[in-house]
């Protein structure tokens, strides 16, 4: 069983209490109507899909119900760190999600 630390509840809980929310730190365009179809497709669907350390969004669905960010190793499924939404990405993660 994988335990995930919720930074809001301050508890390590079983993974079945959480839902995956996609790649973290994806900024919504300020004016979506000004984007081309290709640019809108990129925002909606194109993700880095990194092998190794990757910043992701998670939701504690069966706990506080809040979204938070996590850095997870996609090879081993090990969670390196979790942090609250709005906090900066840890320094060891690059902008594209790979290891620095």
PDB file of N, CA and C in Angstrom:
ATOM      1  N   UNK A   1       0.840  -1.170   0.000  1.00  0.00           N
ATOM      2  CA  UNK A   1       0.000   0.000   0.000  1.00  0.00           C
ATOM      3  C   UNK A   1       0.889   1.238   0.000  1.00  0.00           C
ATOM      4  N   UNK A   2       0.498   2.230  -0.800  1.00  0.00           N
ATOM      5  CA  UNK A   2       1.213   3.498  -0.841  1.00  0.00           C
ATOM      6  C   UNK A   2       0.521   4.468   0.111  1.00  0.00           C
ATOM      7  N   UNK A   3       1.321   5.125   0.945  1.00  0.00           N
ATOM      8  CA  UNK A   3       0.795   6.164   1.824  1.00  0.00           C
ATOM      9  C   UNK A   3       1.129   7.516   1.222  1.00  0.00           C
ATOM     10  N   UNK A   4       0.147   8.421   1.213  1.00  0.00           N
ATOM     11  CA  UNK A   4       0.329   9.768   0.686  1.00  0.00           C
ATOM     12  C   UNK A   4       0.109  10.743   1.826  1.00  0.00           C
ATOM     13  N   UNK A   5       1.018  11.697   1.952  1.00  0.00           N
ATOM     14  CA  UNK A   5       0.914  12.708   3.010  1.00  0.00           C
ATOM     15  C   UNK A   5       0.054  13.866   2.510  1.00  0.00           C
ATOM     16  N   UNK A   6      -1.050  14.144   3.195  1.00  0.00           N
ATOM     17  CA  UNK A   6      -1.884  15.300   2.872  1.00  0.00           C
ATOM     18  C   UNK A   6      -1.314  16.507   3.622  1.00  0.00           C
ATOM     19  N   UNK A   7      -0.895  17.556   2.889  1.00  0.00           N
ATOM     20  CA  UNK A   7      -0.308  18.715   3.572  1.00  0.00           C
ATOM     21  C   UNK A   7      -1.338  19.552   4.336  1.00  0.00           C
ATOM     22  N   UNK A   8      -2.616  19.319   4.111  1.00  0.00           N
ATOM     23  CA  UNK A   8      -3.649  20.047   4.842  1.00  0.00           C
ATOM     24  C   UNK A   8      -4.062  19.303   6.112  1.00  0.00           C
ATOM     25  N   UNK A   9      -4.272  18.002   5.990  1.00  0.00           N
ATOM     26  CA  UNK A   9      -4.646  17.188   7.160  1.00  0.00           C
ATOM     27  C   UNK A   9      -3.437  16.862   8.027  1.00  0.00           C
ATOM     28  N   UNK A  10      -2.231  16.983   7.450  1.00  0.00           N
ATOM     29  CA  UNK A  10      -0.975  16.631   8.127  1.00  0.00           C
ATOM     30  C   UNK A  10      -0.962  15.168   8.557  1.00  0.00           C
ATOM     31  N   UNK A  11      -1.483  14.299   7.680  1.00  0.00           N
ATOM     32  CA  UNK A  11      -1.507  12.861   7.955  1.00  0.00           C
ATOM     33  C   UNK A  11      -1.054  12.087   6.727  1.00  0.00           C
ATOM     34  N   UNK A  12      -0.470  10.910   6.949  1.00  0.00           N
ATOM     35  CA  UNK A  12      -0.180   9.960   5.880  1.00  0.00           C
ATOM     36  C   UNK A  12      -1.370   9.022   5.795  1.00  0.00           C
ATOM     37  N   UNK A  13      -2.006   8.961   4.623  1.00  0.00           N
ATOM     38  CA  UNK A  13      -3.216   8.159   4.442  1.00  0.00           C
ATOM     39  C   UNK A  13      -3.037   7.229   3.245  1.00  0.00           C
ATOM     40  N   UNK A  14      -3.804   6.123   3.176  1.00  0.00           N
ATOM     41  CA  UNK A  14      -3.700   5.182   2.057  1.00  0.00           C
ATOM     42  C   UNK A  14      -4.094   5.834   0.726  1.00  0.00           C
ATOM     43  N   UNK A  15      -3.440   5.399  -0.335  1.00  0.00           N
ATOM     44  CA  UNK A  15      -3.669   5.979  -1.662  1.00  0.00           C
ATOM     45  C   UNK A  15      -5.124   5.920  -2.124  1.00  0.00           C
ATOM     46  N   UNK A  16      -5.912   4.969  -1.631  1.00  0.00           N
ATOM     47  CA  UNK A  16      -7.310   4.851  -2.059  1.00  0.00           C
ATOM     48  C   UNK A  16      -8.152   6.051  -1.633  1.00  0.00           C
ATOM     49  N   UNK A  17      -7.644   6.870  -0.705  1.00  0.00           N
ATOM     50  CA  UNK A  17      -8.358   8.078  -0.271  1.00  0.00           C
ATOM     51  C   UNK A  17      -8.139   9.254  -1.217  1.00  0.00           C
ATOM     52  N   UNK A  18      -7.265   9.109  -2.204  1.00  0.00           N
ATOM     53  CA  UNK A  18      -6.857  10.215  -3.062  1.00  0.00           C
ATOM     54  C   UNK A  18      -7.222   9.961  -4.517  1.00  0.00           C
ATOM     55  N   UNK A  19      -7.391  11.048  -5.262  1.00  0.00           N
ATOM     56  CA  UNK A  19      -7.591  10.951  -6.706  1.00  0.00           C
ATOM     57  C   UNK A  19      -6.551  11.817  -7.408  1.00  0.00           C
ATOM     58  N   UNK A  20      -6.095  11.322  -8.545  1.00  0.00           N
ATOM     59  CA  UNK A  20      -5.090  12.015  -9.347  1.00  0.00           C
ATOM     60  C   UNK A  20      -5.757  13.167 -10.094  1.00  0.00           C
ATOM     61  N   UNK A  21      -5.102  14.324 -10.132  1.00  0.00           N
ATOM     62  CA  UNK A  21      -5.675  15.495 -10.787  1.00  0.00           C
ATOM     63  C   UNK A  21      -4.869  16.022 -11.953  1.00  0.00           C
ATOM     64  N   UNK A  22      -3.896  15.268 -12.439  1.00  0.00           N
ATOM     65  CA  UNK A  22      -3.117  15.707 -13.590  1.00  0.00           C
ATOM     66  C   UNK A  22      -1.820  16.388 -13.205  1.00  0.00           C
ATOM     67  N   UNK A  23      -1.141  16.883 -14.230  1.00  0.00           N
ATOM     68  CA  UNK A  23       0.140  17.556 -14.033  1.00  0.00           C
ATOM     69  C   UNK A  23      -0.068  18.873 -13.288  1.00  0.00           C
ATOM     70  N   UNK A  24       0.821  19.184 -12.376  1.00  0.00           N
ATOM     71  CA  UNK A  24       0.725  20.418 -11.586  1.00  0.00           C
ATOM     72  C   UNK A  24       1.336  21.597 -12.337  1.00  0.00           C
ATOM     73  N   UNK A  25       0.971  22.777 -11.903  1.00  0.00           N
ATOM     74  CA  UNK A  25       1.537  24.034 -12.378  1.00  0.00           C
ATOM     75  C   UNK A  25       1.250  24.308 -13.852  1.00  0.00           C
ATOM     76  N   UNK A  26       0.067  23.936 -14.326  1.00  0.00           N
ATOM     77  CA  UNK A  26      -0.373  24.264 -15.679  1.00  0.00           C
ATOM     78  C   UNK A  26      -1.211  25.536 -15.570  1.00  0.00           C
ATOM     79  N   UNK A  27      -0.739  26.623 -16.138  1.00  0.00           N
ATOM     80  CA  UNK A  27      -1.440  27.910 -16.037  1.00  0.00           C
ATOM     81  C   UNK A  27      -2.503  28.019 -17.121  1.00  0.00           C
ATOM     82  N   UNK A  28      -3.715  28.375 -16.706  1.00  0.00           N
ATOM     83  CA  UNK A  28      -4.805  28.594 -17.665  1.00  0.00           C
ATOM     84  C   UNK A  28      -4.526  29.874 -18.445  1.00  0.00           C
ATOM     85  N   UNK A  29      -4.741  29.857 -19.763  1.00  0.00           N
ATOM     86  CA  UNK A  29      -4.534  31.066 -20.559  1.00  0.00           C
ATOM     87  C   UNK A  29      -5.436  32.210 -20.078  1.00  0.00           C
ATOM     88  N   UNK A  30      -4.917  33.435 -20.079  1.00  0.00           N
ATOM     89  CA  UNK A  30      -5.696  34.588 -19.631  1.00  0.00           C
ATOM     90  C   UNK A  30      -6.893  34.855 -20.538  1.00  0.00           C
ATOM     91  N   UNK A  31      -6.717  34.657 -21.843  1.00  0.00           N
ATOM     92  CA  UNK A  31      -7.800  34.885 -22.802  1.00  0.00           C
ATOM     93  C   UNK A  31      -7.915  33.669 -23.725  1.00  0.00           C
ATOM     94  N   UNK A  32      -8.617  32.625 -23.298  1.00  0.00           N
ATOM     95  CA  UNK A  32      -8.709  31.413 -24.114  1.00  0.00           C
ATOM     96  C   UNK A  32      -9.284  31.652 -25.510  1.00  0.00           C
ATOM     97  N   UNK A  33     -10.165  32.628 -25.656  1.00  0.00           N
ATOM     98  CA  UNK A  33     -10.771  32.882 -26.968  1.00  0.00           C
ATOM     99  C   UNK A  33      -9.767  33.431 -27.975  1.00  0.00           C
ATOM    100  N   UNK A  34      -8.632  33.925 -27.503  1.00  0.00           N
ATOM    101  CA  UNK A  34      -7.602  34.459 -28.395  1.00  0.00           C
ATOM    102  C   UNK A  34      -6.650  33.369 -28.900  1.00  0.00           C
ATOM    103  N   UNK A  35      -6.761  32.165 -28.395  1.00  0.00           N
ATOM    104  CA  UNK A  35      -5.862  31.083 -28.794  1.00  0.00           C
ATOM    105  C   UNK A  35      -6.306  30.445 -30.097  1.00  0.00           C
ATOM    106  N   UNK A  36      -5.331  29.952 -30.831  1.00  0.00           N
ATOM    107  CA  UNK A  36      -5.653  29.151 -32.015  1.00  0.00           C
ATOM    108  C   UNK A  36      -6.115  27.778 -31.544  1.00  0.00           C
ATOM    109  N   UNK A  37      -6.706  27.009 -32.441  1.00  0.00           N
ATOM    110  CA  UNK A  37      -7.128  25.656 -32.079  1.00  0.00           C
ATOM    111  C   UNK A  37      -5.948  24.821 -31.613  1.00  0.00           C
ATOM    112  N   UNK A  38      -4.811  24.999 -32.254  1.00  0.00           N
ATOM    113  CA  UNK A  38      -3.613  24.246 -31.882  1.00  0.00           C
ATOM    114  C   UNK A  38      -3.116  24.633 -30.484  1.00  0.00           C
ATOM    115  N   UNK A  39      -3.140  25.920 -30.172  1.00  0.00           N
ATOM    116  CA  UNK A  39      -2.725  26.378 -28.847  1.00  0.00           C
ATOM    117  C   UNK A  39      -3.690  25.881 -27.768  1.00  0.00           C
ATOM    118  N   UNK A  40      -4.989  25.892 -28.060  1.00  0.00           N
ATOM    119  CA  UNK A  40      -5.988  25.414 -27.102  1.00  0.00           C
ATOM    120  C   UNK A  40      -5.825  23.913 -26.877  1.00  0.00           C
ATOM    121  N   UNK A  41      -5.569  23.176 -27.948  1.00  0.00           N
ATOM    122  CA  UNK A  41      -5.296  21.740 -27.834  1.00  0.00           C
ATOM    123  C   UNK A  41      -4.090  21.499 -26.933  1.00  0.00           C
ATOM    124  N   UNK A  42      -3.042  22.299 -27.113  1.00  0.00           N
ATOM    125  CA  UNK A  42      -1.842  22.162 -26.284  1.00  0.00           C
ATOM    126  C   UNK A  42      -2.140  22.380 -24.814  1.00  0.00           C
ATOM    127  N   UNK A  43      -2.946  23.388 -24.509  1.00  0.00           N
ATOM    128  CA  UNK A  43      -3.308  23.651 -23.113  1.00  0.00           C
ATOM    129  C   UNK A  43      -4.133  22.511 -22.533  1.00  0.00           C
ATOM    130  N   UNK A  44      -5.104  22.024 -23.281  1.00  0.00           N
ATOM    131  CA  UNK A  44      -6.013  20.997 -22.762  1.00  0.00           C
ATOM    132  C   UNK A  44      -5.390  19.608 -22.655  1.00  0.00           C
ATOM    133  N   UNK A  45      -4.593  19.229 -23.639  1.00  0.00           N
ATOM    134  CA  UNK A  45      -4.207  17.826 -23.749  1.00  0.00           C
ATOM    135  C   UNK A  45      -2.727  17.498 -23.661  1.00  0.00           C
ATOM    136  N   UNK A  46      -1.853  18.407 -24.018  1.00  0.00           N
ATOM    137  CA  UNK A  46      -0.434  18.075 -24.101  1.00  0.00           C
ATOM    138  C   UNK A  46       0.229  18.246 -22.732  1.00  0.00           C
ATOM    139  N   UNK A  47       0.792  17.164 -22.239  1.00  0.00           N
ATOM    140  CA  UNK A  47       1.469  17.162 -20.946  1.00  0.00           C
ATOM    141  C   UNK A  47       2.859  16.554 -21.118  1.00  0.00           C
ATOM    142  N   UNK A  48       3.723  16.784 -20.135  1.00  0.00           N
ATOM    143  CA  UNK A  48       5.116  16.359 -20.275  1.00  0.00           C
ATOM    144  C   UNK A  48       5.305  14.843 -20.135  1.00  0.00           C
ATOM    145  N   UNK A  49       4.470  14.154 -19.340  1.00  0.00           N
ATOM    146  CA  UNK A  49       4.554  12.698 -19.194  1.00  0.00           C
ATOM    147  C   UNK A  49       5.985  12.244 -18.898  1.00  0.00           C
ATOM    148  N   UNK A  50       6.584  12.866 -17.920  1.00  0.00           N
ATOM    149  CA  UNK A  50       7.989  12.655 -17.577  1.00  0.00           C
ATOM    150  C   UNK A  50       8.242  11.301 -16.913  1.00  0.00           C
ATOM    151  N   UNK A  51       9.370  10.709 -17.263  1.00  0.00           N
ATOM    152  CA  UNK A  51       9.837   9.521 -16.559  1.00  0.00           C
ATOM    153  C   UNK A  51      10.746  10.006 -15.442  1.00  0.00           C
ATOM    154  N   UNK A  52      10.419   9.661 -14.204  1.00  0.00           N
ATOM    155  CA  UNK A  52      11.195  10.128 -13.062  1.00  0.00           C
ATOM    156  C   UNK A  52      10.381  11.094 -12.230  1.00  0.00           C
ATOM    157  N   UNK A  53      11.033  12.087 -11.649  1.00  0.00           N
ATOM    158  CA  UNK A  53      10.349  13.038 -10.782  1.00  0.00           C
ATOM    159  C   UNK A  53       9.394  13.918 -11.586  1.00  0.00           C
ATOM    160  N   UNK A  54       8.172  14.058 -11.076  1.00  0.00           N
ATOM    161  CA  UNK A  54       7.110  14.737 -11.814  1.00  0.00           C
ATOM    162  C   UNK A  54       6.190  15.452 -10.835  1.00  0.00           C
ATOM    163  N   UNK A  55       5.879  16.725 -11.093  1.00  0.00           N
ATOM    164  CA  UNK A  55       4.969  17.493 -10.239  1.00  0.00           C
ATOM    165  C   UNK A  55       3.532  17.228 -10.675  1.00  0.00           C
ATOM    166  N   UNK A  56       2.687  16.826  -9.730  1.00  0.00           N
ATOM    167  CA  UNK A  56       1.310  16.439 -10.028  1.00  0.00           C
ATOM    168  C   UNK A  56       0.333  17.084  -9.055  1.00  0.00           C
ATOM    169  N   UNK A  57      -0.935  17.136  -9.449  1.00  0.00           N
ATOM    170  CA  UNK A  57      -2.012  17.574  -8.563  1.00  0.00           C
ATOM    171  C   UNK A  57      -2.725  16.335  -8.044  1.00  0.00           C
ATOM    172  N   UNK A  58      -3.083  16.353  -6.776  1.00  0.00           N
ATOM    173  CA  UNK A  58      -3.835  15.272  -6.155  1.00  0.00           C
ATOM    174  C   UNK A  58      -4.946  15.882  -5.313  1.00  0.00           C
ATOM    175  N   UNK A  59      -5.977  15.103  -5.066  1.00  0.00           N
ATOM    176  CA  UNK A  59      -7.087  15.554  -4.222  1.00  0.00           C
ATOM    177  C   UNK A  59      -7.335  14.517  -3.143  1.00  0.00           C
ATOM    178  N   UNK A  60      -7.444  14.971  -1.898  1.00  0.00           N
ATOM    179  CA  UNK A  60      -7.737  14.086  -0.777  1.00  0.00           C
ATOM    180  C   UNK A  60      -9.259  13.884  -0.737  1.00  0.00           C
ATOM    181  N   UNK A  61      -9.761  13.068  -1.642  1.00  0.00           N
ATOM    182  CA  UNK A  61     -11.198  12.906  -1.868  1.00  0.00           C
ATOM    183  C   UNK A  61     -11.949  12.385  -0.647  1.00  0.00           C
ATOM    184  N   UNK A  62     -11.346  11.471   0.097  1.00  0.00           N
ATOM    185  CA  UNK A  62     -12.019  10.876   1.255  1.00  0.00           C
ATOM    186  C   UNK A  62     -11.483  11.432   2.570  1.00  0.00           C
ATOM    187  N   UNK A  63     -11.007  12.655   2.517  1.00  0.00           N
ATOM    188  CA  UNK A  63     -10.492  13.332   3.711  1.00  0.00           C
ATOM    189  C   UNK A  63     -10.981  14.766   3.685  1.00  0.00           C
ATOM    190  N   UNK A  64     -10.058  15.707   3.574  1.00  0.00           N
ATOM    191  CA  UNK A  64     -10.401  17.134   3.593  1.00  0.00           C
ATOM    192  C   UNK A  64     -10.969  17.617   2.261  1.00  0.00           C
ATOM    193  N   UNK A  65     -10.871  16.806   1.204  1.00  0.00           N
ATOM    194  CA  UNK A  65     -11.389  17.101  -0.143  1.00  0.00           C
ATOM    195  C   UNK A  65     -10.635  18.236  -0.841  1.00  0.00           C
ATOM    196  N   UNK A  66      -9.454  18.578  -0.378  1.00  0.00           N
ATOM    197  CA  UNK A  66      -8.703  19.674  -0.977  1.00  0.00           C
ATOM    198  C   UNK A  66      -7.666  19.152  -1.965  1.00  0.00           C
ATOM    199  N   UNK A  67      -7.393  19.993  -2.981  1.00  0.00           N
ATOM    200  CA  UNK A  67      -6.325  19.704  -3.930  1.00  0.00           C
ATOM    201  C   UNK A  67      -4.993  20.137  -3.336  1.00  0.00           C
ATOM    202  N   UNK A  68      -3.952  19.400  -3.678  1.00  0.00           N
ATOM    203  CA  UNK A  68      -2.589  19.753  -3.294  1.00  0.00           C
ATOM    204  C   UNK A  68      -1.656  19.265  -4.379  1.00  0.00           C
ATOM    205  N   UNK A  69      -0.408  19.655  -4.306  1.00  0.00           N
ATOM    206  CA  UNK A  69       0.589  19.224  -5.278  1.00  0.00           C
ATOM    207  C   UNK A  69       1.527  18.203  -4.651  1.00  0.00           C
ATOM    208  N   UNK A  70       2.080  17.368  -5.500  1.00  0.00           N
ATOM    209  CA  UNK A  70       3.020  16.349  -5.039  1.00  0.00           C
ATOM    210  C   UNK A  70       4.107  16.164  -6.086  1.00  0.00           C
ATOM    211  N   UNK A  71       5.283  15.805  -5.633  1.00  0.00           N
ATOM    212  CA  UNK A  71       6.354  15.386  -6.535  1.00  0.00           C
ATOM    213  C   UNK A  71       6.469  13.882  -6.347  1.00  0.00           C
ATOM    214  N   UNK A  72       6.216  13.165  -7.440  1.00  0.00           N
ATOM    215  CA  UNK A  72       6.208  11.700  -7.407  1.00  0.00           C
ATOM    216  C   UNK A  72       7.175  11.173  -8.451  1.00  0.00           C
ATOM    217  N   UNK A  73       7.871  10.104  -8.102  1.00  0.00           N
ATOM    218  CA  UNK A  73       8.736   9.422  -9.050  1.00  0.00           C
ATOM    219  C   UNK A  73       7.854   8.471  -9.847  1.00  0.00           C
ATOM    220  N   UNK A  74       7.697   8.718 -11.144  1.00  0.00           N
ATOM    221  CA  UNK A  74       6.793   7.910 -11.961  1.00  0.00           C
ATOM    222  C   UNK A  74       7.317   6.501 -12.228  1.00  0.00           C
ATOM    223  N   UNK A  75       8.585   6.262 -11.937  1.00  0.00           N
ATOM    224  CA  UNK A  75       9.149   4.923 -12.116  1.00  0.00           C
ATOM    225  C   UNK A  75       8.852   4.047 -10.900  1.00  0.00           C
ATOM    226  N   UNK A  76       9.092   4.580  -9.708  1.00  0.00           N
ATOM    227  CA  UNK A  76       8.927   3.791  -8.484  1.00  0.00           C
ATOM    228  C   UNK A  76       7.595   4.042  -7.771  1.00  0.00           C
ATOM    229  N   UNK A  77       6.840   5.069  -8.174  1.00  0.00           N
ATOM    230  CA  UNK A  77       5.595   5.506  -7.520  1.00  0.00           C
ATOM    231  C   UNK A  77       5.839   6.111  -6.143  1.00  0.00           C
ATOM    232  N   UNK A  78       7.079   6.413  -5.816  1.00  0.00           N
ATOM    233  CA  UNK A  78       7.407   6.994  -4.512  1.00  0.00           C
ATOM    234  C   UNK A  78       7.104   8.485  -4.521  1.00  0.00           C
ATOM    235  N   UNK A  79       6.394   8.945  -3.496  1.00  0.00           N
ATOM    236  CA  UNK A  79       6.113  10.365  -3.325  1.00  0.00           C
ATOM    237  C   UNK A  79       7.293  11.002  -2.599  1.00  0.00           C
ATOM    238  N   UNK A  80       7.940  11.951  -3.252  1.00  0.00           N
ATOM    239  CA  UNK A  80       9.092  12.630  -2.673  1.00  0.00           C
ATOM    240  C   UNK A  80       8.653  13.705  -1.685  1.00  0.00           C
ATOM    241  N   UNK A  81       7.646  14.494  -2.062  1.00  0.00           N
ATOM    242  CA  UNK A  81       7.171  15.593  -1.227  1.00  0.00           C
ATOM    243  C   UNK A  81       5.752  15.959  -1.661  1.00  0.00           C
ATOM    244  N   UNK A  82       4.959  16.434  -0.719  1.00  0.00           N
ATOM    245  CA  UNK A  82       3.655  17.015  -1.034  1.00  0.00           C
ATOM    246  C   UNK A  82       3.645  18.432  -0.487  1.00  0.00           C
ATOM    247  N   UNK A  83       2.909  19.311  -1.151  1.00  0.00           N
ATOM    248  CA  UNK A  83       2.859  20.707  -0.719  1.00  0.00           C
ATOM    249  C   UNK A  83       1.524  21.324  -1.133  1.00  0.00           C
ATOM    250  N   UNK A  84       1.136  22.366  -0.416  1.00  0.00           N
ATOM    251  CA  UNK A  84      -0.169  22.981  -0.613  1.00  0.00           C
ATOM    252  C   UNK A  84      -0.261  23.685  -1.967  1.00  0.00           C
ATOM    253  N   UNK A  85      -1.455  23.717  -2.510  1.00  0.00           N
ATOM    254  CA  UNK A  85      -1.718  24.443  -3.746  1.00  0.00           C
ATOM    255  C   UNK A  85      -1.343  25.905  -3.553  1.00  0.00           C
ATOM    256  N   UNK A  86      -0.679  26.471  -4.525  1.00  0.00           N
ATOM    257  CA  UNK A  86      -0.251  27.864  -4.437  1.00  0.00           C
ATOM    258  C   UNK A  86       1.171  28.029  -3.962  1.00  0.00           C
ATOM    259  N   UNK A  87       1.729  26.997  -3.344  1.00  0.00           N
ATOM    260  CA  UNK A  87       3.133  27.052  -2.922  1.00  0.00           C
ATOM    261  C   UNK A  87       4.028  26.779  -4.134  1.00  0.00           C
ATOM    262  N   UNK A  88       5.242  27.283  -4.085  1.00  0.00           N
ATOM    263  CA  UNK A  88       6.186  27.116  -5.186  1.00  0.00           C
ATOM    264  C   UNK A  88       6.591  25.658  -5.359  1.00  0.00           C
ATOM    265  N   UNK A  89       6.881  25.319  -6.583  1.00  0.00           N
ATOM    266  CA  UNK A  89       7.397  23.992  -6.904  1.00  0.00           C
ATOM    267  C   UNK A  89       8.754  23.818  -6.234  1.00  0.00           C
ATOM    268  N   UNK A  90       9.016  22.673  -5.611  1.00  0.00           N
ATOM    269  CA  UNK A  90      10.327  22.458  -4.971  1.00  0.00           C
ATOM    270  C   UNK A  90      11.472  22.655  -5.960  1.00  0.00           C
ATOM    271  N   UNK A  91      12.578  23.164  -5.496  1.00  0.00           N
ATOM    272  CA  UNK A  91      13.721  23.509  -6.348  1.00  0.00           C
ATOM    273  C   UNK A  91      14.275  22.326  -7.119  1.00  0.00           C
ATOM    274  N   UNK A  92      14.129  21.104  -6.618  1.00  0.00           N
ATOM    275  CA  UNK A  92      14.724  19.950  -7.306  1.00  0.00           C
ATOM    276  C   UNK A  92      13.914  19.508  -8.534  1.00  0.00           C
ATOM    277  N   UNK A  93      12.808  20.181  -8.817  1.00  0.00           N
ATOM    278  CA  UNK A  93      11.992  19.857  -9.981  1.00  0.00           C
ATOM    279  C   UNK A  93      12.106  21.008 -10.980  1.00  0.00           C
ATOM    280  N   UNK A  94      12.421  20.685 -12.239  1.00  0.00           N
ATOM    281  CA  UNK A  94      12.557  21.720 -13.259  1.00  0.00           C
ATOM    282  C   UNK A  94      11.186  22.127 -13.783  1.00  0.00           C
ATOM    283  N   UNK A  95      11.150  23.138 -14.632  1.00  0.00           N
ATOM    284  CA  UNK A  95       9.896  23.628 -15.202  1.00  0.00           C
ATOM    285  C   UNK A  95       9.181  22.556 -16.016  1.00  0.00           C
ATOM    286  N   UNK A  96       9.890  21.654 -16.666  1.00  0.00           N
ATOM    287  CA  UNK A  96       9.257  20.618 -17.475  1.00  0.00           C
ATOM    288  C   UNK A  96       8.896  19.392 -16.665  1.00  0.00           C
ATOM    289  N   UNK A  97       9.203  19.395 -15.385  1.00  0.00           N
ATOM    290  CA  UNK A  97       8.806  18.281 -14.528  1.00  0.00           C
ATOM    291  C   UNK A  97       9.905  17.264 -14.272  1.00  0.00           C
ATOM    292  N   UNK A  98      11.022  17.326 -14.998  1.00  0.00           N
ATOM    293  CA  UNK A  98      12.077  16.350 -14.810  1.00  0.00           C
ATOM    294  C   UNK A  98      13.014  16.709 -13.678  1.00  0.00           C
ATOM    295  N   UNK A  99      13.872  15.778 -13.340  1.00  0.00           N
ATOM    296  CA  UNK A  99      14.833  16.013 -12.266  1.00  0.00           C
ATOM    297  C   UNK A  99      15.832  17.075 -12.680  1.00  0.00           C
ATOM    298  N   UNK A 100      16.205  17.903 -11.731  1.00  0.00           N
ATOM    299  CA  UNK A 100      17.160  18.981 -12.015  1.00  0.00           C
ATOM    300  C   UNK A 100      18.578  18.461 -11.994  1.00  0.00           C
TER     301      UNK A 100
END
